[in-house]
N, C-alpha and C. Protein backbone atom coordinates (compact mmCIF):
# COMPACT_ATOMS: atom_id res chain seq x y z
N MET A 1 -72.97 7.12 9.66
CA MET A 1 -74.23 7.01 8.33
C MET A 1 -75.60 7.15 9.33
N GLN A 2 -75.59 6.49 10.55
CA GLN A 2 -76.88 6.30 11.07
C GLN A 2 -77.07 8.06 11.81
N ALA A 3 -76.12 8.80 12.10
CA ALA A 3 -76.66 9.99 12.71
C ALA A 3 -77.13 10.67 11.47
N ASN A 4 -76.71 10.81 10.39
CA ASN A 4 -76.99 11.39 9.03
C ASN A 4 -78.28 10.89 8.81
N GLY A 5 -78.96 9.58 9.02
CA GLY A 5 -80.30 9.25 8.77
C GLY A 5 -80.99 9.92 9.55
N ALA A 6 -80.60 9.80 10.76
CA ALA A 6 -81.45 10.46 11.96
C ALA A 6 -81.87 11.90 11.87
N ILE A 7 -80.75 12.80 11.23
CA ILE A 7 -81.18 14.08 10.77
C ILE A 7 -81.83 14.54 10.09
N ASP A 8 -81.55 13.32 9.06
CA ASP A 8 -82.85 13.30 7.92
C ASP A 8 -83.86 13.45 7.91
N ARG A 9 -84.44 12.15 8.90
CA ARG A 9 -85.63 12.06 9.42
C ARG A 9 -86.28 13.17 10.09
N PHE A 10 -85.18 13.69 10.90
CA PHE A 10 -85.64 14.64 12.02
C PHE A 10 -86.21 16.03 11.21
N GLY A 11 -85.26 16.66 10.24
CA GLY A 11 -85.40 17.46 9.38
C GLY A 11 -86.92 17.28 8.36
N ARG A 12 -86.94 16.29 8.28
CA ARG A 12 -88.50 15.86 7.38
C ARG A 12 -89.69 16.12 8.36
N ARG A 13 -89.45 15.48 9.73
CA ARG A 13 -90.71 15.93 10.44
C ARG A 13 -90.91 17.45 10.97
N VAL A 14 -89.70 17.91 10.94
CA VAL A 14 -89.78 19.50 11.24
C VAL A 14 -90.59 20.21 10.15
N GLN A 15 -90.19 19.79 8.75
CA GLN A 15 -90.98 20.71 7.63
C GLN A 15 -91.96 20.16 7.60
N ASP A 16 -92.58 18.60 7.72
CA ASP A 16 -93.87 18.42 7.45
C ASP A 16 -94.65 19.20 8.56
N SER A 17 -94.32 19.64 9.78
CA SER A 17 -94.82 20.49 10.98
C SER A 17 -94.97 21.78 10.62
N LEU A 18 -93.85 22.32 9.75
CA LEU A 18 -94.02 23.71 9.16
C LEU A 18 -94.61 23.98 8.26
N GLY A 19 -94.70 23.03 7.60
CA GLY A 19 -95.46 22.92 6.21
C GLY A 19 -94.67 23.55 5.09
N SER A 20 -93.68 24.03 5.13
CA SER A 20 -92.45 24.53 4.04
C SER A 20 -91.21 24.65 4.85
N HIS A 21 -90.10 24.80 3.73
CA HIS A 21 -88.67 24.75 4.29
C HIS A 21 -88.43 26.12 4.85
N PRO A 22 -87.58 26.23 5.74
CA PRO A 22 -87.14 27.80 6.43
C PRO A 22 -86.92 28.54 5.66
N ASP A 23 -86.31 28.16 4.57
CA ASP A 23 -85.57 29.39 3.45
C ASP A 23 -86.31 29.46 2.12
N GLY A 24 -87.74 28.72 2.06
CA GLY A 24 -88.72 28.89 1.09
C GLY A 24 -88.27 28.04 -0.01
N LEU A 25 -87.23 27.24 0.15
CA LEU A 25 -86.92 26.46 -1.10
C LEU A 25 -87.92 25.32 -1.52
N ALA A 26 -87.95 24.88 -2.53
CA ALA A 26 -89.15 23.84 -2.76
C ALA A 26 -88.25 22.47 -2.81
N ASN A 27 -89.61 21.45 -2.61
CA ASN A 27 -88.97 20.11 -2.34
C ASN A 27 -88.17 19.79 -3.62
N GLY A 28 -87.14 18.97 -3.18
CA GLY A 28 -86.40 18.24 -4.30
C GLY A 28 -84.96 19.17 -4.57
N VAL A 29 -84.92 20.51 -3.84
CA VAL A 29 -83.96 21.44 -4.30
C VAL A 29 -82.63 21.26 -3.45
N TYR A 30 -83.23 20.67 -1.95
CA TYR A 30 -82.26 20.54 -0.82
C TYR A 30 -82.18 19.13 -0.16
N GLU A 31 -81.66 18.90 0.91
CA GLU A 31 -81.78 17.72 1.65
C GLU A 31 -82.39 18.09 2.60
N TRP A 32 -82.83 16.78 3.53
CA TRP A 32 -83.80 17.00 4.52
C TRP A 32 -83.08 17.57 5.73
N TRP A 33 -81.93 17.22 5.66
CA TRP A 33 -81.00 17.80 6.98
C TRP A 33 -80.83 19.12 6.90
N HIS A 34 -81.19 19.81 5.79
CA HIS A 34 -81.08 21.35 5.25
C HIS A 34 -82.16 22.16 6.17
N VAL A 35 -83.44 21.46 6.83
CA VAL A 35 -84.33 22.12 7.04
C VAL A 35 -83.91 22.48 8.55
N ILE A 36 -82.74 21.68 9.58
CA ILE A 36 -82.78 22.03 10.74
C ILE A 36 -81.15 22.59 10.81
N ALA A 37 -80.38 22.59 9.51
CA ALA A 37 -78.78 22.76 9.89
C ALA A 37 -78.65 22.62 8.51
N THR A 38 -77.14 23.86 8.39
CA THR A 38 -76.22 23.98 7.38
C THR A 38 -75.28 23.44 7.69
N GLY A 39 -74.55 23.42 6.57
CA GLY A 39 -73.46 22.52 6.85
C GLY A 39 -72.27 22.63 5.47
N ARG A 40 -71.03 22.44 5.81
CA ARG A 40 -69.94 22.67 4.73
C ARG A 40 -69.07 21.67 4.73
N ALA A 41 -68.29 21.16 3.39
CA ALA A 41 -67.03 20.26 3.91
C ALA A 41 -66.21 21.00 3.99
N THR A 42 -64.97 20.51 4.56
CA THR A 42 -64.09 21.12 5.10
C THR A 42 -62.84 20.15 4.89
N LYS A 43 -61.58 20.37 4.29
CA LYS A 43 -60.48 19.75 4.24
C LYS A 43 -59.82 18.91 5.38
N ASP A 44 -60.25 19.76 6.38
CA ASP A 44 -59.24 19.40 8.08
C ASP A 44 -60.16 18.45 8.62
N VAL A 45 -61.36 18.45 8.88
CA VAL A 45 -62.05 17.58 9.55
C VAL A 45 -63.41 17.09 9.07
N GLY A 46 -63.72 17.36 7.87
CA GLY A 46 -64.76 16.41 7.08
C GLY A 46 -65.76 17.33 6.77
N PHE A 47 -67.24 16.88 7.05
CA PHE A 47 -68.28 17.91 7.08
C PHE A 47 -68.52 18.41 8.45
N VAL A 48 -68.85 19.57 8.53
CA VAL A 48 -69.21 20.24 9.66
C VAL A 48 -70.33 20.88 9.63
N TRP A 49 -71.09 20.18 10.50
CA TRP A 49 -72.97 21.01 10.77
C TRP A 49 -72.77 22.13 11.59
N GLN A 50 -74.18 22.76 11.49
CA GLN A 50 -74.02 23.92 12.37
C GLN A 50 -75.98 24.04 12.14
N LEU A 51 -76.44 23.70 13.62
CA LEU A 51 -77.67 23.78 13.72
C LEU A 51 -78.27 25.41 13.51
N ARG A 52 -79.39 25.69 12.88
CA ARG A 52 -80.23 26.71 12.54
C ARG A 52 -80.09 27.25 13.94
N GLU A 53 -80.50 28.72 14.16
CA GLU A 53 -80.57 29.50 15.30
C GLU A 53 -82.08 28.97 15.95
N GLU A 54 -82.92 29.03 15.00
CA GLU A 54 -84.17 28.63 15.33
C GLU A 54 -84.35 27.17 16.18
N VAL A 55 -83.60 26.45 15.54
CA VAL A 55 -83.58 24.93 16.30
C VAL A 55 -82.82 25.04 17.41
N VAL A 56 -81.90 25.55 17.76
CA VAL A 56 -81.00 25.91 19.16
C VAL A 56 -82.01 26.71 20.39
N ALA A 57 -82.73 27.69 19.60
CA ALA A 57 -83.83 28.42 20.54
C ALA A 57 -84.55 27.22 20.84
N GLY A 58 -85.29 26.34 20.09
CA GLY A 58 -86.40 25.56 20.64
C GLY A 58 -85.61 24.33 21.51
N LEU A 59 -84.53 24.09 20.99
CA LEU A 59 -84.08 23.05 21.99
C LEU A 59 -83.99 23.80 23.59
N LEU A 60 -83.16 24.85 23.56
CA LEU A 60 -82.85 25.66 24.74
C LEU A 60 -84.29 25.68 25.57
N ALA A 61 -85.48 26.34 24.95
CA ALA A 61 -86.60 26.33 25.31
C ALA A 61 -87.18 25.41 25.88
N CYS A 62 -87.21 23.99 25.31
CA CYS A 62 -87.69 23.03 25.76
C CYS A 62 -87.08 22.16 26.78
N GLY A 63 -85.62 22.93 27.17
CA GLY A 63 -84.87 22.14 28.51
C GLY A 63 -83.94 21.17 27.44
N PHE A 64 -83.62 20.95 26.56
CA PHE A 64 -83.39 20.00 26.21
C PHE A 64 -81.68 19.89 25.51
N ALA A 65 -81.30 21.26 26.00
CA ALA A 65 -79.91 21.84 25.64
C ALA A 65 -79.51 22.92 26.66
N GLU A 66 -78.27 23.36 27.09
CA GLU A 66 -78.18 24.45 27.73
C GLU A 66 -76.91 25.43 27.13
N LEU A 67 -76.91 26.49 27.49
CA LEU A 67 -76.01 27.13 27.20
C LEU A 67 -74.42 26.99 27.83
N VAL A 68 -73.48 26.95 27.39
CA VAL A 68 -72.33 26.84 28.44
C VAL A 68 -71.37 28.06 27.81
N GLU A 69 -70.91 28.53 28.52
CA GLU A 69 -69.77 29.82 28.47
C GLU A 69 -68.50 29.29 27.92
N THR A 70 -67.83 28.40 27.94
CA THR A 70 -66.64 28.25 27.52
C THR A 70 -67.04 26.61 26.54
N LEU A 71 -66.36 26.67 25.68
CA LEU A 71 -66.14 25.66 24.67
C LEU A 71 -64.81 25.12 24.62
N PRO A 72 -64.85 23.68 24.60
CA PRO A 72 -63.58 22.90 24.35
C PRO A 72 -62.38 23.53 23.61
N ASP A 73 -61.41 23.54 23.54
CA ASP A 73 -60.44 23.96 22.91
C ASP A 73 -60.58 22.90 21.38
N GLU A 74 -60.48 23.53 20.22
CA GLU A 74 -60.61 22.85 18.96
C GLU A 74 -59.04 22.47 18.60
N VAL A 75 -59.17 21.30 18.17
CA VAL A 75 -58.23 20.52 18.20
C VAL A 75 -57.55 20.94 16.55
N VAL A 76 -56.73 21.54 16.21
CA VAL A 76 -56.22 21.80 15.04
C VAL A 76 -55.51 20.73 14.40
N GLY A 77 -55.48 20.23 12.92
CA GLY A 77 -54.57 19.57 12.56
C GLY A 77 -54.38 18.15 13.33
N ALA A 78 -55.77 17.59 13.87
CA ALA A 78 -55.70 16.64 14.53
C ALA A 78 -55.65 15.14 13.66
N GLU A 79 -55.04 14.33 14.20
CA GLU A 79 -55.11 12.98 13.69
C GLU A 79 -56.48 12.47 12.91
N ARG A 80 -56.54 11.92 11.84
CA ARG A 80 -57.92 11.36 11.48
C ARG A 80 -57.80 9.64 11.71
N PHE A 81 -58.94 9.27 12.23
CA PHE A 81 -59.15 7.76 12.51
C PHE A 81 -60.27 7.51 11.82
N PHE A 82 -60.12 6.53 11.15
CA PHE A 82 -60.93 5.61 10.13
C PHE A 82 -61.57 4.38 10.65
N GLU A 83 -63.04 4.21 10.93
CA GLU A 83 -63.72 3.27 11.66
C GLU A 83 -64.09 2.39 10.82
N GLY A 84 -65.10 1.24 10.97
CA GLY A 84 -65.85 0.55 10.32
C GLY A 84 -65.17 -0.47 9.50
N ALA A 85 -64.17 -0.72 9.88
CA ALA A 85 -63.45 -2.41 9.41
C ALA A 85 -64.30 -3.36 9.45
N VAL A 86 -64.48 -4.51 8.37
CA VAL A 86 -65.50 -5.52 8.25
C VAL A 86 -64.46 -6.75 8.81
N ARG A 87 -65.16 -7.23 9.80
CA ARG A 87 -64.44 -8.80 9.90
C ARG A 87 -66.00 -9.88 10.11
N GLN A 88 -65.32 -10.72 9.79
CA GLN A 88 -66.47 -12.22 9.55
C GLN A 88 -66.33 -12.59 10.89
N ILE A 89 -67.72 -13.02 11.35
CA ILE A 89 -67.59 -13.87 12.84
C ILE A 89 -68.61 -14.99 12.54
N THR A 90 -68.36 -16.47 13.01
CA THR A 90 -68.90 -17.56 12.63
C THR A 90 -69.38 -17.60 13.93
N VAL A 91 -70.80 -17.94 14.05
CA VAL A 91 -71.50 -18.64 15.11
C VAL A 91 -72.46 -19.89 14.76
N ASN A 92 -72.62 -20.54 15.86
CA ASN A 92 -73.30 -21.75 15.64
C ASN A 92 -74.75 -21.70 16.17
N ALA A 93 -75.88 -21.72 15.27
CA ALA A 93 -77.42 -21.34 15.64
C ALA A 93 -77.91 -23.06 15.38
N TYR A 94 -78.27 -23.48 16.37
CA TYR A 94 -79.11 -24.80 16.65
C TYR A 94 -80.37 -24.60 16.78
N GLU A 95 -81.30 -25.26 15.82
CA GLU A 95 -82.71 -25.31 15.61
C GLU A 95 -83.54 -26.43 16.23
N ARG A 96 -84.49 -26.45 16.71
CA ARG A 96 -85.13 -27.70 17.11
C ARG A 96 -86.22 -28.29 15.98
N ASN A 97 -86.19 -29.59 15.78
CA ASN A 97 -87.07 -30.41 15.08
C ASN A 97 -88.38 -29.90 15.25
N PRO A 98 -89.26 -29.15 14.54
CA PRO A 98 -90.50 -28.71 14.71
C PRO A 98 -91.64 -30.04 14.90
N VAL A 99 -91.71 -30.74 14.37
CA VAL A 99 -92.32 -32.22 14.30
C VAL A 99 -91.99 -32.75 16.06
N ALA A 100 -90.55 -32.81 16.27
CA ALA A 100 -90.09 -33.33 17.79
C ALA A 100 -90.69 -32.55 18.89
N ARG A 101 -90.77 -31.26 18.29
CA ARG A 101 -91.20 -30.06 19.30
C ARG A 101 -92.90 -30.15 19.52
N ALA A 102 -93.48 -30.23 18.34
CA ALA A 102 -95.07 -30.31 18.35
C ALA A 102 -95.22 -31.68 19.29
N ARG A 103 -94.75 -32.91 19.06
CA ARG A 103 -95.12 -34.34 19.81
C ARG A 103 -94.63 -33.97 21.20
N CYS A 104 -93.66 -33.42 21.59
CA CYS A 104 -93.42 -33.18 23.08
C CYS A 104 -94.43 -32.22 23.69
N ILE A 105 -94.66 -31.16 22.93
CA ILE A 105 -96.01 -30.03 23.86
C ILE A 105 -97.34 -30.92 23.46
N GLU A 106 -97.48 -31.98 22.74
CA GLU A 106 -98.64 -32.70 22.65
C GLU A 106 -98.47 -33.87 24.04
N ALA A 107 -97.69 -34.24 23.97
CA ALA A 107 -97.51 -35.41 25.06
C ALA A 107 -97.15 -34.54 26.54
N LYS A 108 -96.35 -33.44 26.85
CA LYS A 108 -96.08 -33.24 28.07
C LYS A 108 -96.68 -31.84 28.36
N GLY A 109 -97.32 -31.11 27.48
CA GLY A 109 -97.67 -29.48 27.41
C GLY A 109 -96.57 -28.75 27.32
N ALA A 110 -97.15 -27.41 27.14
CA ALA A 110 -95.98 -26.47 26.71
C ALA A 110 -95.29 -25.76 28.26
N LYS A 111 -95.65 -26.21 29.15
CA LYS A 111 -95.07 -25.80 30.51
C LYS A 111 -93.60 -26.30 30.61
N CYS A 112 -92.45 -25.67 30.63
CA CYS A 112 -91.39 -25.80 30.78
C CYS A 112 -90.63 -26.17 32.03
N SER A 113 -90.08 -27.27 32.29
CA SER A 113 -89.78 -27.88 34.09
C SER A 113 -88.35 -27.60 34.26
N VAL A 114 -87.82 -26.93 33.95
CA VAL A 114 -86.45 -26.78 33.64
C VAL A 114 -85.96 -25.72 35.11
């Protein structure tokens, strides 16, 4: 979900710079990610993004990407993995007594001697 949020924020910044949606859509008719990419849901691999040609051209022109001649083979019917299991971790946190700390600093100063 962090990637989706980052793409949304980037799309909004691009639209703010452009002043309008690349396809001329009105605000509220689309999601922010649609400013920089198109996409579709698939049964096999989930949601598939495709950057707009203008975005790819801009990334190439700025040196943030490079074209490659060969692409890795696409894995068809690959096993799906799910992540994000929740596990609880308990830790101890120790806090100093603020009155004792203030009195120590008053008596010895704030310079550490360890």
